[in-house]
Amino acid sequence: MLRYLTVPVTAFAQNCSIVWCDETKDAAVIDPGGDLDRLLAEVKRLGVNLKAIWLTHAHIDHAGGTADLAEQLGLPIIGPHPGDQFWITGLPQQGAMFGFPPARAFTPSRWLADGDTVQIGHSVLQVRHCPGHTPGHVVFHSTEAKRAFVGDVLFAGSIGRTDFPQGNHAQLISSIRERLWPMGDETVFIPGHGPESSFGAERRHNPHVRDA
């Protein structure tokens, strides 16, 4: 069964998630935006074996620590979708603009597309391409655990902002309703910032995307 621990990192309190298979103890880290010493301390405390980096998208608070972590541990970088190449290229500029520690661009070991899967140990997660916040944003969905790691697509009571370059509000709403809702009302999602919620709760109460 898939297990996870959410660790807020960076000045933006970005929800980095350590996910692992409880049978093999193999693990991946989703969106290592920074504070790598803290993340690695949690990996050690959990007693898991970090095998990969998975990225939802390439904004600085989600991807700023990726190059350093991959180099330090020899980890493959999985994702995001190729639509975020320009955000990856611009990571050094993003870091300077928002006052983050120096960040480096990188080349993913594997780009992701809608319908792909990623695996850690015996746990397989579905990949959905959910553009809108960024053009290359992806989401990781575990059907066995009924959990979805959605980055900045959806939040408890809110949605991702679309005023950054190549953001698209209509596309974001479509991604939420057509790609996330079919995962089921009971699915709990881990957003890029703030508390967890469920898709059912957001369909009932989120003013941006609730059902009519």
N, C-alpha and C. Protein backbone atom coordinates (compact mmCIF):
# COMPACT_ATOMS: atom_id res chain seq x y z
N MET A 1 0.85 -1.20 0.00
CA MET A 1 0.00 0.00 0.00
C MET A 1 0.88 1.25 0.00
N LEU A 2 0.44 2.25 -0.70
CA LEU A 2 1.16 3.51 -0.74
C LEU A 2 0.98 4.27 0.57
N ARG A 3 2.08 4.79 1.09
CA ARG A 3 2.07 5.67 2.26
C ARG A 3 2.69 7.00 1.86
N TYR A 4 2.42 8.06 2.62
CA TYR A 4 3.03 9.34 2.29
C TYR A 4 3.16 10.22 3.52
N LEU A 5 4.08 11.14 3.43
CA LEU A 5 4.28 12.17 4.45
C LEU A 5 4.43 13.50 3.74
N THR A 6 3.68 14.49 4.16
CA THR A 6 3.76 15.82 3.56
C THR A 6 4.67 16.70 4.41
N VAL A 7 5.64 17.31 3.75
CA VAL A 7 6.62 18.15 4.43
C VAL A 7 6.61 19.54 3.78
N PRO A 8 6.07 20.56 4.47
CA PRO A 8 6.11 21.91 3.89
C PRO A 8 7.55 22.41 3.78
N VAL A 9 7.89 22.94 2.59
CA VAL A 9 9.24 23.43 2.35
C VAL A 9 9.18 24.82 1.71
N THR A 10 10.27 25.53 1.80
CA THR A 10 10.49 26.87 1.25
C THR A 10 9.64 27.91 1.98
N ALA A 11 9.94 29.16 1.70
CA ALA A 11 9.19 30.27 2.29
C ALA A 11 7.74 30.28 1.84
N PHE A 12 7.43 29.55 0.76
CA PHE A 12 6.07 29.48 0.25
C PHE A 12 5.27 28.34 0.87
N ALA A 13 5.86 27.61 1.85
CA ALA A 13 5.19 26.49 2.51
C ALA A 13 4.57 25.53 1.49
N GLN A 14 5.42 25.10 0.56
CA GLN A 14 4.99 24.18 -0.50
C GLN A 14 4.95 22.76 0.06
N ASN A 15 3.86 22.06 -0.22
CA ASN A 15 3.67 20.71 0.31
C ASN A 15 4.47 19.68 -0.51
N CYS A 16 5.70 19.45 -0.13
CA CYS A 16 6.48 18.37 -0.72
C CYS A 16 6.02 17.06 -0.07
N SER A 17 5.84 16.02 -0.88
CA SER A 17 5.38 14.74 -0.35
C SER A 17 6.43 13.65 -0.56
N ILE A 18 6.72 12.92 0.50
CA ILE A 18 7.52 11.70 0.40
C ILE A 18 6.52 10.56 0.32
N VAL A 19 6.55 9.78 -0.76
CA VAL A 19 5.63 8.66 -0.94
C VAL A 19 6.42 7.37 -0.99
N TRP A 20 5.88 6.31 -0.39
CA TRP A 20 6.62 5.05 -0.39
C TRP A 20 5.69 3.85 -0.37
N CYS A 21 6.23 2.73 -0.84
CA CYS A 21 5.56 1.44 -0.78
C CYS A 21 5.87 0.81 0.57
N ASP A 22 4.84 0.48 1.34
CA ASP A 22 5.10 -0.02 2.70
C ASP A 22 5.65 -1.44 2.71
N GLU A 23 5.62 -2.11 1.55
CA GLU A 23 6.20 -3.46 1.48
C GLU A 23 7.69 -3.43 1.18
N THR A 24 8.09 -2.60 0.21
CA THR A 24 9.50 -2.57 -0.21
C THR A 24 10.30 -1.46 0.45
N LYS A 25 9.60 -0.44 0.97
CA LYS A 25 10.23 0.76 1.54
C LYS A 25 10.91 1.63 0.49
N ASP A 26 10.66 1.33 -0.79
CA ASP A 26 11.15 2.22 -1.84
C ASP A 26 10.29 3.47 -1.86
N ALA A 27 10.91 4.63 -2.13
CA ALA A 27 10.21 5.90 -2.00
C ALA A 27 10.54 6.83 -3.16
N ALA A 28 9.64 7.79 -3.38
CA ALA A 28 9.86 8.90 -4.29
C ALA A 28 9.53 10.18 -3.54
N VAL A 29 10.09 11.27 -4.00
CA VAL A 29 9.76 12.57 -3.43
C VAL A 29 9.08 13.40 -4.52
N ILE A 30 7.92 13.95 -4.18
CA ILE A 30 7.16 14.76 -5.12
C ILE A 30 7.40 16.23 -4.83
N ASP A 31 7.92 16.94 -5.82
CA ASP A 31 8.11 18.39 -5.76
C ASP A 31 9.07 18.85 -4.66
N PRO A 32 10.35 18.49 -4.77
CA PRO A 32 11.34 18.96 -3.79
C PRO A 32 11.77 20.39 -4.10
N GLY A 33 10.97 21.33 -3.62
CA GLY A 33 11.24 22.73 -3.94
C GLY A 33 12.43 23.33 -3.24
N GLY A 34 12.83 22.73 -2.12
CA GLY A 34 13.95 23.25 -1.35
C GLY A 34 14.03 22.58 0.00
N ASP A 35 14.84 23.17 0.90
CA ASP A 35 15.02 22.63 2.25
C ASP A 35 15.40 21.15 2.20
N LEU A 36 16.39 20.84 1.38
CA LEU A 36 16.75 19.44 1.15
C LEU A 36 17.25 18.74 2.41
N ASP A 37 17.96 19.44 3.27
CA ASP A 37 18.42 18.81 4.51
C ASP A 37 17.25 18.32 5.34
N ARG A 38 16.20 19.11 5.40
CA ARG A 38 15.02 18.72 6.15
C ARG A 38 14.34 17.51 5.50
N LEU A 39 14.23 17.55 4.17
CA LEU A 39 13.62 16.42 3.47
C LEU A 39 14.39 15.13 3.68
N LEU A 40 15.71 15.21 3.58
CA LEU A 40 16.53 14.01 3.73
C LEU A 40 16.52 13.49 5.17
N ALA A 41 16.37 14.39 6.13
CA ALA A 41 16.24 13.96 7.52
C ALA A 41 14.95 13.16 7.71
N GLU A 42 13.87 13.58 7.04
CA GLU A 42 12.60 12.85 7.14
C GLU A 42 12.71 11.50 6.45
N VAL A 43 13.39 11.46 5.31
CA VAL A 43 13.60 10.19 4.61
C VAL A 43 14.34 9.22 5.52
N LYS A 44 15.37 9.71 6.20
CA LYS A 44 16.14 8.86 7.11
C LYS A 44 15.28 8.40 8.28
N ARG A 45 14.49 9.32 8.84
CA ARG A 45 13.63 8.98 9.98
C ARG A 45 12.61 7.92 9.61
N LEU A 46 12.08 8.00 8.40
CA LEU A 46 11.08 7.03 7.93
C LEU A 46 11.69 5.68 7.60
N GLY A 47 12.99 5.65 7.36
CA GLY A 47 13.65 4.40 7.01
C GLY A 47 13.32 3.91 5.62
N VAL A 48 13.10 4.86 4.69
CA VAL A 48 12.75 4.48 3.32
C VAL A 48 13.94 4.75 2.40
N ASN A 49 13.87 4.15 1.21
CA ASN A 49 14.97 4.26 0.24
C ASN A 49 14.52 5.12 -0.93
N LEU A 50 15.07 6.33 -1.00
CA LEU A 50 14.65 7.26 -2.04
C LEU A 50 15.17 6.81 -3.40
N LYS A 51 14.22 6.63 -4.34
CA LYS A 51 14.56 6.08 -5.66
C LYS A 51 14.32 7.04 -6.81
N ALA A 52 13.49 8.07 -6.61
CA ALA A 52 13.13 8.93 -7.74
C ALA A 52 12.57 10.26 -7.25
N ILE A 53 12.64 11.25 -8.13
CA ILE A 53 11.99 12.54 -7.95
C ILE A 53 10.85 12.63 -8.96
N TRP A 54 9.64 12.94 -8.49
CA TRP A 54 8.49 13.14 -9.36
C TRP A 54 8.08 14.60 -9.27
N LEU A 55 7.84 15.23 -10.41
CA LEU A 55 7.48 16.65 -10.44
C LEU A 55 6.08 16.85 -11.03
N THR A 56 5.27 17.65 -10.33
CA THR A 56 3.97 18.04 -10.89
C THR A 56 4.14 19.16 -11.90
N HIS A 57 5.01 20.12 -11.59
CA HIS A 57 5.29 21.24 -12.50
C HIS A 57 6.59 21.90 -12.07
N ALA A 58 7.00 22.91 -12.82
CA ALA A 58 8.36 23.41 -12.64
C ALA A 58 8.46 24.83 -12.09
N HIS A 59 7.48 25.26 -11.29
CA HIS A 59 7.65 26.52 -10.58
C HIS A 59 8.71 26.35 -9.49
N ILE A 60 9.35 27.43 -9.13
CA ILE A 60 10.52 27.40 -8.25
C ILE A 60 10.24 26.73 -6.91
N ASP A 61 9.06 26.96 -6.31
CA ASP A 61 8.78 26.40 -4.99
C ASP A 61 8.51 24.90 -5.05
N HIS A 62 8.31 24.37 -6.24
CA HIS A 62 8.09 22.93 -6.41
C HIS A 62 9.32 22.21 -6.96
N ALA A 63 10.13 22.92 -7.72
CA ALA A 63 11.23 22.26 -8.44
C ALA A 63 12.61 22.83 -8.13
N GLY A 64 12.69 23.82 -7.24
CA GLY A 64 13.95 24.51 -7.01
C GLY A 64 15.08 23.64 -6.51
N GLY A 65 14.77 22.58 -5.74
CA GLY A 65 15.81 21.71 -5.20
C GLY A 65 16.07 20.48 -6.04
N THR A 66 15.41 20.37 -7.19
CA THR A 66 15.45 19.14 -7.98
C THR A 66 16.84 18.80 -8.47
N ALA A 67 17.51 19.75 -9.12
CA ALA A 67 18.82 19.46 -9.71
C ALA A 67 19.82 19.04 -8.65
N ASP A 68 19.82 19.74 -7.51
CA ASP A 68 20.78 19.41 -6.45
C ASP A 68 20.49 18.05 -5.85
N LEU A 69 19.21 17.74 -5.60
CA LEU A 69 18.86 16.45 -5.00
C LEU A 69 19.18 15.30 -5.97
N ALA A 70 18.86 15.49 -7.23
CA ALA A 70 19.14 14.45 -8.22
C ALA A 70 20.64 14.18 -8.32
N GLU A 71 21.42 15.24 -8.30
CA GLU A 71 22.87 15.08 -8.40
C GLU A 71 23.44 14.45 -7.13
N GLN A 72 22.96 14.89 -5.99
CA GLN A 72 23.48 14.40 -4.71
C GLN A 72 23.27 12.91 -4.53
N LEU A 73 22.09 12.40 -4.94
CA LEU A 73 21.74 11.00 -4.70
C LEU A 73 21.68 10.15 -5.97
N GLY A 74 21.96 10.76 -7.11
CA GLY A 74 21.90 10.01 -8.36
C GLY A 74 20.50 9.55 -8.71
N LEU A 75 19.50 10.43 -8.50
CA LEU A 75 18.10 10.05 -8.70
C LEU A 75 17.59 10.47 -10.07
N PRO A 76 16.75 9.65 -10.69
CA PRO A 76 16.09 10.08 -11.92
C PRO A 76 15.03 11.14 -11.62
N ILE A 77 14.85 12.06 -12.55
CA ILE A 77 13.83 13.10 -12.45
C ILE A 77 12.69 12.71 -13.38
N ILE A 78 11.53 12.44 -12.82
CA ILE A 78 10.37 11.98 -13.59
C ILE A 78 9.35 13.10 -13.65
N GLY A 79 9.07 13.60 -14.87
CA GLY A 79 8.12 14.68 -15.05
C GLY A 79 8.79 16.04 -15.00
N PRO A 80 8.00 17.05 -15.23
CA PRO A 80 6.57 17.04 -15.55
C PRO A 80 6.34 16.73 -17.03
N HIS A 81 5.28 17.30 -17.61
CA HIS A 81 4.99 17.21 -19.03
C HIS A 81 5.90 18.20 -19.78
N PRO A 82 6.26 17.94 -21.04
CA PRO A 82 7.17 18.82 -21.77
C PRO A 82 6.70 20.27 -21.89
N GLY A 83 5.41 20.52 -21.66
CA GLY A 83 4.92 21.89 -21.72
C GLY A 83 5.59 22.83 -20.73
N ASP A 84 6.24 22.29 -19.70
CA ASP A 84 6.90 23.11 -18.70
C ASP A 84 8.39 23.29 -18.95
N GLN A 85 8.87 22.94 -20.14
CA GLN A 85 10.30 23.09 -20.43
C GLN A 85 10.77 24.52 -20.18
N PHE A 86 9.98 25.52 -20.59
CA PHE A 86 10.43 26.90 -20.44
C PHE A 86 10.52 27.30 -18.97
N TRP A 87 9.70 26.71 -18.12
CA TRP A 87 9.80 26.99 -16.68
C TRP A 87 11.07 26.36 -16.11
N ILE A 88 11.43 25.16 -16.58
CA ILE A 88 12.66 24.52 -16.13
C ILE A 88 13.87 25.35 -16.54
N THR A 89 13.88 25.77 -17.79
CA THR A 89 14.98 26.60 -18.29
C THR A 89 15.13 27.87 -17.48
N GLY A 90 14.01 28.42 -17.03
CA GLY A 90 14.03 29.68 -16.30
C GLY A 90 14.17 29.56 -14.80
N LEU A 91 14.47 28.37 -14.27
CA LEU A 91 14.57 28.21 -12.82
C LEU A 91 15.57 29.18 -12.18
N PRO A 92 16.77 29.41 -12.74
CA PRO A 92 17.68 30.39 -12.11
C PRO A 92 17.05 31.78 -12.00
N GLN A 93 16.34 32.20 -13.04
CA GLN A 93 15.69 33.51 -13.00
C GLN A 93 14.52 33.53 -12.02
N GLN A 94 13.77 32.42 -11.96
CA GLN A 94 12.68 32.34 -10.99
C GLN A 94 13.21 32.49 -9.57
N GLY A 95 14.32 31.79 -9.28
CA GLY A 95 14.90 31.86 -7.94
C GLY A 95 15.30 33.26 -7.57
N ALA A 96 15.94 33.97 -8.49
CA ALA A 96 16.37 35.34 -8.22
C ALA A 96 15.16 36.26 -8.03
N MET A 97 14.14 36.06 -8.83
CA MET A 97 12.95 36.92 -8.77
C MET A 97 12.23 36.81 -7.43
N PHE A 98 12.15 35.58 -6.89
CA PHE A 98 11.37 35.37 -5.67
C PHE A 98 12.23 35.24 -4.42
N GLY A 99 13.53 35.49 -4.54
CA GLY A 99 14.40 35.47 -3.37
C GLY A 99 14.71 34.09 -2.85
N PHE A 100 14.69 33.08 -3.73
CA PHE A 100 15.01 31.72 -3.33
C PHE A 100 16.52 31.49 -3.42
N PRO A 101 17.04 30.45 -2.77
CA PRO A 101 18.43 30.07 -2.98
C PRO A 101 18.67 29.78 -4.46
N PRO A 102 19.91 29.88 -4.93
CA PRO A 102 20.19 29.61 -6.34
C PRO A 102 19.64 28.25 -6.77
N ALA A 103 18.95 28.24 -7.90
CA ALA A 103 18.38 27.00 -8.45
C ALA A 103 18.95 26.78 -9.84
N ARG A 104 19.09 25.51 -10.21
CA ARG A 104 19.65 25.16 -11.51
C ARG A 104 18.60 24.48 -12.39
N ALA A 105 18.71 24.72 -13.67
CA ALA A 105 17.88 23.99 -14.63
C ALA A 105 18.37 22.54 -14.69
N PHE A 106 17.55 21.68 -15.26
CA PHE A 106 17.88 20.25 -15.35
C PHE A 106 17.16 19.67 -16.56
N THR A 107 17.54 18.48 -16.92
CA THR A 107 16.84 17.74 -17.98
C THR A 107 16.17 16.52 -17.35
N PRO A 108 14.85 16.43 -17.38
CA PRO A 108 14.19 15.26 -16.80
C PRO A 108 14.69 13.96 -17.42
N SER A 109 14.79 12.94 -16.60
CA SER A 109 15.13 11.61 -17.10
C SER A 109 13.99 11.06 -17.95
N ARG A 110 12.78 11.49 -17.62
CA ARG A 110 11.58 11.03 -18.33
C ARG A 110 10.50 12.09 -18.25
N TRP A 111 10.05 12.55 -19.41
CA TRP A 111 8.88 13.42 -19.45
C TRP A 111 7.62 12.57 -19.26
N LEU A 112 6.55 13.20 -18.81
CA LEU A 112 5.30 12.48 -18.59
C LEU A 112 4.20 13.00 -19.52
N ALA A 113 3.28 12.11 -19.85
CA ALA A 113 2.12 12.45 -20.68
C ALA A 113 0.86 11.90 -20.03
N ASP A 114 -0.27 12.44 -20.43
CA ASP A 114 -1.55 11.98 -19.89
C ASP A 114 -1.72 10.49 -20.16
N GLY A 115 -2.08 9.74 -19.11
CA GLY A 115 -2.28 8.30 -19.25
C GLY A 115 -1.07 7.47 -18.89
N ASP A 116 0.07 8.11 -18.65
CA ASP A 116 1.25 7.37 -18.19
C ASP A 116 1.04 6.85 -16.77
N THR A 117 1.95 6.00 -16.32
CA THR A 117 1.99 5.58 -14.93
C THR A 117 3.40 5.77 -14.39
N VAL A 118 3.49 5.91 -13.09
CA VAL A 118 4.76 5.89 -12.38
C VAL A 118 4.64 4.83 -11.29
N GLN A 119 5.76 4.25 -10.91
CA GLN A 119 5.72 3.16 -9.94
C GLN A 119 6.83 3.32 -8.93
N ILE A 120 6.50 3.03 -7.67
CA ILE A 120 7.49 2.98 -6.61
C ILE A 120 7.22 1.72 -5.80
N GLY A 121 8.17 0.79 -5.77
CA GLY A 121 7.90 -0.50 -5.16
C GLY A 121 6.77 -1.19 -5.88
N HIS A 122 5.74 -1.63 -5.13
CA HIS A 122 4.58 -2.29 -5.72
C HIS A 122 3.44 -1.31 -6.00
N SER A 123 3.64 -0.04 -5.72
CA SER A 123 2.57 0.95 -5.86
C SER A 123 2.67 1.66 -7.21
N VAL A 124 1.58 1.61 -7.96
CA VAL A 124 1.50 2.24 -9.27
C VAL A 124 0.53 3.42 -9.19
N LEU A 125 0.94 4.57 -9.70
CA LEU A 125 0.10 5.76 -9.72
C LEU A 125 -0.16 6.17 -11.16
N GLN A 126 -1.38 6.63 -11.41
CA GLN A 126 -1.76 7.13 -12.73
C GLN A 126 -1.34 8.58 -12.88
N VAL A 127 -0.95 8.95 -14.09
CA VAL A 127 -0.54 10.32 -14.40
C VAL A 127 -1.63 10.97 -15.25
N ARG A 128 -2.10 12.14 -14.83
CA ARG A 128 -3.03 12.93 -15.64
C ARG A 128 -2.40 14.28 -15.93
N HIS A 129 -2.41 14.65 -17.19
CA HIS A 129 -1.94 15.97 -17.60
C HIS A 129 -3.06 16.96 -17.32
N CYS A 130 -2.78 17.95 -16.46
CA CYS A 130 -3.80 18.90 -16.03
C CYS A 130 -3.30 20.33 -16.24
N PRO A 131 -3.23 20.79 -17.49
CA PRO A 131 -2.74 22.14 -17.76
C PRO A 131 -3.70 23.21 -17.29
N GLY A 132 -3.16 24.42 -17.18
CA GLY A 132 -3.95 25.57 -16.76
C GLY A 132 -3.14 26.46 -15.85
N HIS A 133 -2.66 25.91 -14.73
CA HIS A 133 -1.74 26.64 -13.85
C HIS A 133 -0.41 26.82 -14.57
N THR A 134 0.11 25.74 -15.11
CA THR A 134 1.21 25.77 -16.07
C THR A 134 0.83 24.83 -17.21
N PRO A 135 1.42 24.99 -18.39
CA PRO A 135 1.02 24.13 -19.51
C PRO A 135 1.44 22.68 -19.36
N GLY A 136 2.46 22.41 -18.55
CA GLY A 136 2.95 21.04 -18.40
C GLY A 136 2.62 20.38 -17.08
N HIS A 137 1.66 20.91 -16.36
CA HIS A 137 1.32 20.40 -15.03
C HIS A 137 0.73 18.99 -15.12
N VAL A 138 1.20 18.09 -14.24
CA VAL A 138 0.63 16.76 -14.13
C VAL A 138 0.20 16.49 -12.70
N VAL A 139 -0.64 15.47 -12.55
CA VAL A 139 -1.17 15.04 -11.25
C VAL A 139 -0.90 13.55 -11.11
N PHE A 140 -0.60 13.10 -9.89
CA PHE A 140 -0.34 11.68 -9.62
C PHE A 140 -1.50 11.12 -8.78
N HIS A 141 -2.11 10.04 -9.26
CA HIS A 141 -3.30 9.48 -8.61
C HIS A 141 -3.07 8.03 -8.22
N SER A 142 -3.23 7.74 -6.93
CA SER A 142 -3.15 6.37 -6.42
C SER A 142 -4.56 5.85 -6.19
N THR A 143 -4.99 4.92 -7.04
CA THR A 143 -6.33 4.36 -6.86
C THR A 143 -6.40 3.50 -5.61
N GLU A 144 -5.31 2.80 -5.27
CA GLU A 144 -5.33 1.92 -4.10
C GLU A 144 -5.46 2.72 -2.81
N ALA A 145 -4.78 3.85 -2.74
CA ALA A 145 -4.81 4.67 -1.52
C ALA A 145 -5.89 5.74 -1.57
N LYS A 146 -6.55 5.89 -2.73
CA LYS A 146 -7.55 6.94 -2.93
C LYS A 146 -6.97 8.31 -2.56
N ARG A 147 -5.78 8.56 -3.10
CA ARG A 147 -5.09 9.83 -2.90
C ARG A 147 -4.63 10.38 -4.24
N ALA A 148 -4.64 11.70 -4.36
CA ALA A 148 -4.12 12.36 -5.56
C ALA A 148 -3.22 13.51 -5.14
N PHE A 149 -2.06 13.59 -5.75
CA PHE A 149 -1.10 14.64 -5.48
C PHE A 149 -1.21 15.63 -6.63
N VAL A 150 -1.86 16.78 -6.36
CA VAL A 150 -2.35 17.63 -7.44
C VAL A 150 -1.56 18.92 -7.63
N GLY A 151 -0.46 19.11 -6.91
CA GLY A 151 0.32 20.33 -7.10
C GLY A 151 -0.55 21.56 -6.93
N ASP A 152 -0.46 22.49 -7.88
CA ASP A 152 -1.19 23.75 -7.76
C ASP A 152 -2.41 23.83 -8.68
N VAL A 153 -2.99 22.67 -9.02
CA VAL A 153 -4.21 22.68 -9.82
C VAL A 153 -5.41 23.08 -8.96
N LEU A 154 -5.51 22.47 -7.77
CA LEU A 154 -6.69 22.63 -6.91
C LEU A 154 -6.25 22.74 -5.46
N PHE A 155 -6.94 23.60 -4.71
CA PHE A 155 -6.70 23.74 -3.28
C PHE A 155 -8.02 23.58 -2.52
N ALA A 156 -7.93 23.42 -1.22
CA ALA A 156 -9.14 23.40 -0.40
C ALA A 156 -9.78 24.78 -0.47
N GLY A 157 -10.90 24.88 -1.15
CA GLY A 157 -11.62 26.13 -1.26
C GLY A 157 -11.13 27.07 -2.34
N SER A 158 -10.15 26.66 -3.12
CA SER A 158 -9.61 27.56 -4.14
C SER A 158 -9.05 26.75 -5.30
N ILE A 159 -8.47 27.45 -6.27
CA ILE A 159 -7.85 26.82 -7.43
C ILE A 159 -6.52 27.50 -7.71
N GLY A 160 -5.72 26.89 -8.58
CA GLY A 160 -4.43 27.47 -8.92
C GLY A 160 -4.57 28.79 -9.66
N ARG A 161 -3.60 29.66 -9.48
CA ARG A 161 -3.63 30.94 -10.18
C ARG A 161 -3.21 30.71 -11.63
N THR A 162 -3.70 31.58 -12.52
CA THR A 162 -3.44 31.42 -13.95
C THR A 162 -2.89 32.70 -14.58
N ASP A 163 -2.35 33.59 -13.74
CA ASP A 163 -1.82 34.85 -14.26
C ASP A 163 -0.33 34.79 -14.56
N PHE A 164 0.30 33.63 -14.40
CA PHE A 164 1.69 33.46 -14.80
C PHE A 164 1.75 33.21 -16.31
N PRO A 165 2.95 33.36 -16.92
CA PRO A 165 3.08 33.10 -18.35
C PRO A 165 2.54 31.72 -18.74
N GLN A 166 1.72 31.71 -19.78
CA GLN A 166 1.09 30.52 -20.34
C GLN A 166 0.10 29.85 -19.39
N GLY A 167 -0.37 30.58 -18.38
CA GLY A 167 -1.49 30.10 -17.59
C GLY A 167 -2.78 30.28 -18.38
N ASN A 168 -3.79 29.47 -18.07
CA ASN A 168 -5.04 29.52 -18.83
C ASN A 168 -6.18 29.11 -17.91
N HIS A 169 -7.03 30.06 -17.56
CA HIS A 169 -8.09 29.80 -16.58
C HIS A 169 -9.09 28.77 -17.09
N ALA A 170 -9.55 28.93 -18.31
CA ALA A 170 -10.55 27.98 -18.85
C ALA A 170 -9.97 26.57 -18.90
N GLN A 171 -8.71 26.48 -19.25
CA GLN A 171 -8.04 25.17 -19.32
C GLN A 171 -7.94 24.55 -17.93
N LEU A 172 -7.65 25.38 -16.92
CA LEU A 172 -7.56 24.88 -15.55
C LEU A 172 -8.90 24.32 -15.08
N ILE A 173 -9.97 25.05 -15.31
CA ILE A 173 -11.30 24.59 -14.90
C ILE A 173 -11.63 23.27 -15.59
N SER A 174 -11.30 23.18 -16.88
CA SER A 174 -11.54 21.95 -17.62
C SER A 174 -10.73 20.79 -17.04
N SER A 175 -9.46 21.06 -16.70
CA SER A 175 -8.62 20.01 -16.11
C SER A 175 -9.23 19.47 -14.82
N ILE A 176 -9.73 20.38 -13.99
CA ILE A 176 -10.31 19.97 -12.71
C ILE A 176 -11.56 19.12 -12.93
N ARG A 177 -12.44 19.62 -13.76
CA ARG A 177 -13.73 18.93 -13.92
C ARG A 177 -13.62 17.66 -14.76
N GLU A 178 -12.73 17.64 -15.74
CA GLU A 178 -12.66 16.50 -16.65
C GLU A 178 -11.58 15.48 -16.26
N ARG A 179 -10.57 15.91 -15.51
CA ARG A 179 -9.49 15.00 -15.16
C ARG A 179 -9.49 14.61 -13.68
N LEU A 180 -9.88 15.54 -12.81
CA LEU A 180 -9.85 15.23 -11.37
C LEU A 180 -11.16 14.62 -10.88
N TRP A 181 -12.28 15.22 -11.22
CA TRP A 181 -13.56 14.72 -10.68
C TRP A 181 -13.80 13.24 -10.97
N PRO A 182 -13.42 12.71 -12.16
CA PRO A 182 -13.65 11.28 -12.41
C PRO A 182 -12.85 10.36 -11.48
N MET A 183 -11.89 10.90 -10.74
CA MET A 183 -11.14 10.07 -9.78
C MET A 183 -12.02 9.68 -8.59
N GLY A 184 -13.16 10.34 -8.42
CA GLY A 184 -14.11 9.95 -7.37
C GLY A 184 -14.19 10.95 -6.23
N ASP A 185 -15.42 11.17 -5.75
CA ASP A 185 -15.64 12.13 -4.67
C ASP A 185 -14.88 11.78 -3.40
N GLU A 186 -14.66 10.47 -3.18
CA GLU A 186 -14.03 10.04 -1.94
C GLU A 186 -12.51 10.23 -1.98
N THR A 187 -11.95 10.53 -3.14
CA THR A 187 -10.50 10.69 -3.25
C THR A 187 -10.03 11.93 -2.50
N VAL A 188 -9.06 11.75 -1.65
CA VAL A 188 -8.44 12.86 -0.91
C VAL A 188 -7.28 13.38 -1.73
N PHE A 189 -7.18 14.70 -1.84
CA PHE A 189 -6.07 15.26 -2.61
C PHE A 189 -5.13 16.05 -1.71
N ILE A 190 -3.85 15.96 -2.07
CA ILE A 190 -2.80 16.68 -1.38
C ILE A 190 -2.40 17.82 -2.30
N PRO A 191 -2.75 19.06 -1.94
CA PRO A 191 -2.45 20.19 -2.81
C PRO A 191 -1.02 20.68 -2.61
N GLY A 192 -0.61 21.58 -3.48
CA GLY A 192 0.74 22.13 -3.37
C GLY A 192 0.90 23.06 -2.19
N HIS A 193 -0.19 23.55 -1.64
CA HIS A 193 -0.15 24.44 -0.48
C HIS A 193 -1.43 24.24 0.32
N GLY A 194 -1.32 24.34 1.64
CA GLY A 194 -2.51 24.28 2.47
C GLY A 194 -2.97 22.87 2.80
N PRO A 195 -4.15 22.77 3.42
CA PRO A 195 -4.62 21.47 3.93
C PRO A 195 -5.18 20.57 2.84
N GLU A 196 -5.26 19.29 3.16
CA GLU A 196 -5.90 18.31 2.28
C GLU A 196 -7.41 18.54 2.25
N SER A 197 -8.02 18.02 1.21
CA SER A 197 -9.48 18.00 1.11
C SER A 197 -9.84 16.81 0.25
N SER A 198 -11.11 16.68 -0.09
CA SER A 198 -11.55 15.61 -1.00
C SER A 198 -12.20 16.25 -2.22
N PHE A 199 -12.22 15.51 -3.31
CA PHE A 199 -12.86 16.04 -4.51
C PHE A 199 -14.35 16.25 -4.27
N GLY A 200 -14.97 15.37 -3.49
CA GLY A 200 -16.39 15.54 -3.19
C GLY A 200 -16.67 16.83 -2.44
N ALA A 201 -15.81 17.14 -1.47
CA ALA A 201 -16.00 18.38 -0.70
C ALA A 201 -15.86 19.59 -1.60
N GLU A 202 -14.90 19.55 -2.51
CA GLU A 202 -14.71 20.70 -3.40
C GLU A 202 -15.85 20.82 -4.40
N ARG A 203 -16.38 19.71 -4.85
CA ARG A 203 -17.53 19.77 -5.78
C ARG A 203 -18.75 20.37 -5.09
N ARG A 204 -18.83 20.23 -3.78
CA ARG A 204 -19.97 20.78 -3.04
C ARG A 204 -19.75 22.22 -2.62
N HIS A 205 -18.51 22.59 -2.26
CA HIS A 205 -18.31 23.86 -1.57
C HIS A 205 -17.34 24.84 -2.22
N ASN A 206 -16.46 24.37 -3.10
CA ASN A 206 -15.47 25.27 -3.67
C ASN A 206 -16.14 26.24 -4.65
N PRO A 207 -16.14 27.55 -4.36
CA PRO A 207 -16.90 28.49 -5.19
C PRO A 207 -16.41 28.56 -6.64
N HIS A 208 -15.19 28.13 -6.91
CA HIS A 208 -14.64 28.22 -8.25
C HIS A 208 -15.05 27.06 -9.16
N VAL A 209 -15.32 25.90 -8.55
CA VAL A 209 -15.55 24.70 -9.38
C VAL A 209 -16.67 23.82 -8.85
N ARG A 210 -17.48 24.32 -7.92
CA ARG A 210 -18.54 23.46 -7.37
C ARG A 210 -19.59 23.17 -8.43
N ASP A 211 -20.28 22.06 -8.24
CA ASP A 211 -21.32 21.68 -9.17
C ASP A 211 -22.45 22.69 -9.13
N ALA A 212 -23.07 22.88 -10.27
CA ALA A 212 -24.20 23.83 -10.33
C ALA A 212 -25.37 23.32 -9.50
